[in-house]
N, C-alpha and C. Protein backbone atom coordinates (compact mmCIF):
# COMPACT_ATOMS: atom_id res chain seq x y z
N MET A 1 -29.49 24.49 -38.58
CA MET A 1 -28.44 24.67 -39.56
C MET A 1 -28.89 24.16 -40.93
N GLU A 2 -29.65 23.08 -40.91
CA GLU A 2 -30.12 22.51 -42.17
C GLU A 2 -31.05 23.48 -42.89
N THR A 3 -31.82 24.23 -42.11
CA THR A 3 -32.76 25.18 -42.71
C THR A 3 -32.03 26.25 -43.50
N VAL A 4 -30.93 26.74 -42.97
CA VAL A 4 -30.15 27.75 -43.69
C VAL A 4 -29.67 27.18 -45.02
N GLY A 5 -29.21 25.95 -45.01
CA GLY A 5 -28.78 25.31 -46.25
C GLY A 5 -29.91 25.22 -47.26
N GLU A 6 -31.11 24.90 -46.77
CA GLU A 6 -32.27 24.86 -47.67
C GLU A 6 -32.57 26.24 -48.24
N PHE A 7 -32.52 27.26 -47.39
CA PHE A 7 -32.78 28.62 -47.85
C PHE A 7 -31.76 29.06 -48.89
N MET A 8 -30.52 28.65 -48.72
CA MET A 8 -29.43 29.12 -49.59
C MET A 8 -29.30 28.32 -50.88
N LYS A 9 -30.06 27.26 -51.05
CA LYS A 9 -29.95 26.42 -52.25
C LYS A 9 -30.09 27.21 -53.55
N GLU A 10 -30.97 28.17 -53.54
CA GLU A 10 -31.25 28.92 -54.76
C GLU A 10 -30.38 30.16 -54.93
N VAL A 11 -29.51 30.41 -53.97
CA VAL A 11 -28.67 31.62 -53.99
C VAL A 11 -27.29 31.25 -54.51
N ASN A 12 -26.90 31.90 -55.61
CA ASN A 12 -25.63 31.56 -56.25
C ASN A 12 -24.54 32.60 -56.06
N SER A 13 -24.88 33.73 -55.43
CA SER A 13 -23.87 34.78 -55.25
C SER A 13 -24.31 35.72 -54.13
N PHE A 14 -23.36 36.51 -53.67
CA PHE A 14 -23.65 37.49 -52.64
C PHE A 14 -24.62 38.54 -53.16
N ASP A 15 -24.45 38.96 -54.40
CA ASP A 15 -25.35 39.95 -54.99
C ASP A 15 -26.79 39.43 -55.02
N GLU A 16 -26.95 38.17 -55.34
CA GLU A 16 -28.28 37.57 -55.35
C GLU A 16 -28.85 37.52 -53.93
N TYR A 17 -28.00 37.19 -52.98
CA TYR A 17 -28.41 37.18 -51.56
C TYR A 17 -28.92 38.56 -51.14
N LEU A 18 -28.23 39.60 -51.54
CA LEU A 18 -28.62 40.96 -51.17
C LEU A 18 -29.98 41.37 -51.74
N LYS A 19 -30.38 40.78 -52.84
CA LYS A 19 -31.64 41.15 -53.49
C LYS A 19 -32.87 40.67 -52.73
N HIS A 20 -32.70 39.72 -51.82
CA HIS A 20 -33.83 39.07 -51.17
C HIS A 20 -33.87 39.36 -49.67
N LYS A 21 -34.56 40.45 -49.34
CA LYS A 21 -34.62 40.88 -47.94
C LYS A 21 -35.26 39.82 -47.04
N MET A 22 -36.33 39.20 -47.47
CA MET A 22 -36.99 38.19 -46.65
C MET A 22 -36.06 37.00 -46.39
N LEU A 23 -35.32 36.60 -47.39
CA LEU A 23 -34.34 35.53 -47.23
C LEU A 23 -33.28 35.92 -46.22
N ARG A 24 -32.77 37.14 -46.33
CA ARG A 24 -31.73 37.60 -45.39
C ARG A 24 -32.26 37.58 -43.96
N ARG A 25 -33.48 38.07 -43.77
CA ARG A 25 -34.05 38.10 -42.43
C ARG A 25 -34.29 36.69 -41.90
N ALA A 26 -34.71 35.78 -42.76
CA ALA A 26 -34.94 34.40 -42.34
C ALA A 26 -33.63 33.75 -41.91
N ILE A 27 -32.56 33.99 -42.64
CA ILE A 27 -31.26 33.43 -42.29
C ILE A 27 -30.75 34.05 -41.00
N GLU A 28 -30.94 35.35 -40.84
CA GLU A 28 -30.56 36.00 -39.58
C GLU A 28 -31.30 35.36 -38.41
N ARG A 29 -32.58 35.09 -38.59
CA ARG A 29 -33.38 34.46 -37.53
C ARG A 29 -32.84 33.07 -37.20
N GLU A 30 -32.49 32.31 -38.20
CA GLU A 30 -31.93 30.97 -37.96
C GLU A 30 -30.60 31.07 -37.20
N ILE A 31 -29.80 32.07 -37.53
CA ILE A 31 -28.52 32.26 -36.83
C ILE A 31 -28.78 32.68 -35.38
N GLU A 32 -29.82 33.46 -35.15
CA GLU A 32 -30.21 33.80 -33.78
C GLU A 32 -30.53 32.53 -33.00
N ILE A 33 -31.31 31.65 -33.60
CA ILE A 33 -31.72 30.40 -32.94
C ILE A 33 -30.50 29.54 -32.65
N ILE A 34 -29.60 29.43 -33.59
CA ILE A 34 -28.37 28.65 -33.39
C ILE A 34 -27.55 29.26 -32.25
N GLY A 35 -27.44 30.58 -32.23
CA GLY A 35 -26.70 31.26 -31.17
C GLY A 35 -27.31 31.04 -29.80
N GLU A 36 -28.63 31.08 -29.73
CA GLU A 36 -29.31 30.83 -28.45
C GLU A 36 -29.11 29.39 -28.00
N ALA A 37 -29.19 28.46 -28.94
CA ALA A 37 -28.94 27.05 -28.60
C ALA A 37 -27.51 26.87 -28.10
N MET A 38 -26.57 27.53 -28.75
CA MET A 38 -25.17 27.45 -28.32
C MET A 38 -25.01 28.00 -26.91
N ASN A 39 -25.66 29.10 -26.63
CA ASN A 39 -25.60 29.70 -25.30
C ASN A 39 -26.12 28.73 -24.25
N ARG A 40 -27.23 28.08 -24.53
CA ARG A 40 -27.81 27.11 -23.58
C ARG A 40 -26.91 25.88 -23.41
N ILE A 41 -26.33 25.43 -24.50
CA ILE A 41 -25.42 24.27 -24.43
C ILE A 41 -24.24 24.59 -23.53
N LEU A 42 -23.64 25.77 -23.72
CA LEU A 42 -22.47 26.13 -22.92
C LEU A 42 -22.82 26.33 -21.45
N LYS A 43 -24.03 26.78 -21.16
CA LYS A 43 -24.45 26.90 -19.76
C LYS A 43 -24.64 25.53 -19.13
N ALA A 44 -25.20 24.61 -19.88
CA ALA A 44 -25.45 23.26 -19.36
C ALA A 44 -24.19 22.42 -19.31
N TYR A 45 -23.29 22.62 -20.26
CA TYR A 45 -22.06 21.83 -20.37
C TYR A 45 -20.88 22.77 -20.58
N PRO A 46 -20.45 23.46 -19.54
CA PRO A 46 -19.40 24.48 -19.71
C PRO A 46 -18.06 23.95 -20.23
N ASP A 47 -17.81 22.67 -20.09
CA ASP A 47 -16.54 22.11 -20.53
C ASP A 47 -16.55 21.63 -21.98
N ILE A 48 -17.71 21.71 -22.62
CA ILE A 48 -17.78 21.25 -24.00
C ILE A 48 -16.96 22.18 -24.89
N GLU A 49 -16.30 21.61 -25.87
CA GLU A 49 -15.46 22.41 -26.77
C GLU A 49 -16.07 22.42 -28.16
N ILE A 50 -16.64 23.57 -28.50
CA ILE A 50 -17.20 23.79 -29.83
C ILE A 50 -16.48 25.00 -30.40
N PRO A 51 -15.81 24.82 -31.54
CA PRO A 51 -15.06 25.94 -32.12
C PRO A 51 -15.95 27.17 -32.34
N ASP A 52 -15.42 28.31 -31.96
CA ASP A 52 -16.08 29.60 -32.18
C ASP A 52 -17.43 29.73 -31.48
N ALA A 53 -17.65 28.97 -30.43
CA ALA A 53 -18.93 29.03 -29.71
C ALA A 53 -19.23 30.44 -29.23
N ARG A 54 -18.25 31.11 -28.67
CA ARG A 54 -18.47 32.48 -28.17
C ARG A 54 -18.75 33.46 -29.31
N LYS A 55 -18.13 33.26 -30.45
CA LYS A 55 -18.40 34.12 -31.61
C LYS A 55 -19.82 33.91 -32.11
N ILE A 56 -20.28 32.68 -32.06
CA ILE A 56 -21.65 32.36 -32.49
C ILE A 56 -22.64 33.09 -31.58
N ILE A 57 -22.40 33.04 -30.30
CA ILE A 57 -23.27 33.71 -29.33
C ILE A 57 -23.20 35.22 -29.53
N ALA A 58 -22.01 35.74 -29.75
CA ALA A 58 -21.86 37.18 -29.97
C ALA A 58 -22.60 37.64 -31.23
N THR A 59 -22.57 36.83 -32.26
CA THR A 59 -23.29 37.16 -33.49
C THR A 59 -24.79 37.18 -33.23
N ARG A 60 -25.27 36.20 -32.48
CA ARG A 60 -26.68 36.17 -32.10
C ARG A 60 -27.05 37.44 -31.36
N ASN A 61 -26.24 37.82 -30.41
CA ASN A 61 -26.52 39.03 -29.63
C ASN A 61 -26.54 40.27 -30.51
N LYS A 62 -25.62 40.33 -31.43
CA LYS A 62 -25.54 41.49 -32.34
C LYS A 62 -26.80 41.58 -33.20
N ILE A 63 -27.27 40.45 -33.69
CA ILE A 63 -28.47 40.45 -34.52
C ILE A 63 -29.69 40.83 -33.68
N ILE A 64 -29.85 40.21 -32.54
CA ILE A 64 -31.04 40.42 -31.72
C ILE A 64 -31.11 41.83 -31.14
N HIS A 65 -30.01 42.30 -30.62
CA HIS A 65 -30.02 43.57 -29.92
C HIS A 65 -29.74 44.76 -30.84
N GLY A 66 -29.47 44.46 -32.11
CA GLY A 66 -29.31 45.52 -33.09
C GLY A 66 -28.12 46.41 -32.88
N TYR A 67 -27.03 45.83 -32.36
CA TYR A 67 -25.82 46.62 -32.21
C TYR A 67 -25.38 47.06 -33.60
N ASP A 68 -25.45 48.35 -33.84
CA ASP A 68 -25.19 48.91 -35.17
C ASP A 68 -26.12 48.24 -36.17
N GLU A 69 -25.60 47.93 -37.30
CA GLU A 69 -26.38 47.21 -38.30
C GLU A 69 -25.79 45.82 -38.47
N VAL A 70 -26.63 44.91 -38.86
CA VAL A 70 -26.17 43.56 -39.17
C VAL A 70 -25.37 43.64 -40.46
N ASP A 71 -24.19 43.05 -40.48
CA ASP A 71 -23.33 43.07 -41.64
C ASP A 71 -23.70 41.92 -42.57
N ASP A 72 -24.26 42.26 -43.73
CA ASP A 72 -24.70 41.23 -44.68
C ASP A 72 -23.56 40.33 -45.13
N VAL A 73 -22.37 40.88 -45.25
CA VAL A 73 -21.22 40.06 -45.65
C VAL A 73 -20.95 38.98 -44.61
N VAL A 74 -20.96 39.37 -43.35
CA VAL A 74 -20.71 38.42 -42.26
C VAL A 74 -21.77 37.32 -42.27
N ILE A 75 -23.03 37.70 -42.37
CA ILE A 75 -24.12 36.71 -42.36
C ILE A 75 -24.01 35.78 -43.56
N TYR A 76 -23.68 36.31 -44.73
CA TYR A 76 -23.52 35.49 -45.93
C TYR A 76 -22.39 34.47 -45.75
N VAL A 77 -21.28 34.90 -45.22
CA VAL A 77 -20.15 33.98 -45.01
C VAL A 77 -20.52 32.91 -43.98
N ILE A 78 -21.21 33.30 -42.94
CA ILE A 78 -21.68 32.31 -41.96
C ILE A 78 -22.56 31.29 -42.65
N ALA A 79 -23.52 31.77 -43.43
CA ALA A 79 -24.48 30.88 -44.09
C ALA A 79 -23.84 29.97 -45.12
N THR A 80 -22.83 30.45 -45.81
CA THR A 80 -22.24 29.66 -46.90
C THR A 80 -21.03 28.85 -46.50
N LYS A 81 -20.37 29.19 -45.39
CA LYS A 81 -19.16 28.47 -45.00
C LYS A 81 -19.17 27.99 -43.56
N HIS A 82 -19.35 28.91 -42.64
CA HIS A 82 -19.15 28.59 -41.23
C HIS A 82 -20.16 27.61 -40.66
N LEU A 83 -21.40 27.64 -41.14
CA LEU A 83 -22.38 26.70 -40.60
C LEU A 83 -22.04 25.26 -40.98
N LYS A 84 -21.47 25.07 -42.15
CA LYS A 84 -21.02 23.72 -42.54
C LYS A 84 -19.91 23.26 -41.61
N ASP A 85 -18.97 24.16 -41.31
CA ASP A 85 -17.89 23.82 -40.40
C ASP A 85 -18.43 23.49 -39.00
N LEU A 86 -19.41 24.27 -38.55
CA LEU A 86 -20.03 24.03 -37.25
C LEU A 86 -20.73 22.67 -37.23
N ARG A 87 -21.48 22.39 -38.27
CA ARG A 87 -22.18 21.10 -38.38
C ARG A 87 -21.17 19.95 -38.32
N ASP A 88 -20.05 20.08 -39.01
CA ASP A 88 -19.02 19.04 -39.00
C ASP A 88 -18.44 18.87 -37.60
N SER A 89 -18.19 19.97 -36.90
CA SER A 89 -17.65 19.91 -35.54
C SER A 89 -18.62 19.26 -34.57
N ILE A 90 -19.87 19.62 -34.69
CA ILE A 90 -20.89 19.07 -33.79
C ILE A 90 -21.09 17.59 -34.06
N SER A 91 -21.06 17.19 -35.30
CA SER A 91 -21.25 15.77 -35.61
C SER A 91 -20.14 14.90 -35.03
N LYS A 92 -18.96 15.49 -34.81
CA LYS A 92 -17.86 14.74 -34.22
C LYS A 92 -18.03 14.56 -32.71
N LEU A 93 -18.87 15.41 -32.11
CA LEU A 93 -19.11 15.27 -30.67
C LEU A 93 -19.93 14.05 -30.41
């Protein structure tokens, strides 16, 4: 999650995010890794409560398996808002 924050430091808008294909792919890869980690955590600890854990895994699956196209808006919102929320939730565990 920290890596995505580092990648996004220089990005000030969605339009700027769209201009950088390598950045977008790197962030998608990081989200894949987070989704896979979430999947493993839930298998090992099925009773753990992490908000939106299933959505995180579903997003990972969508990116990896190429269901339709990856929605840049969704990935941008995850990178700029939802990962911070996830980090806060995990830190409380």
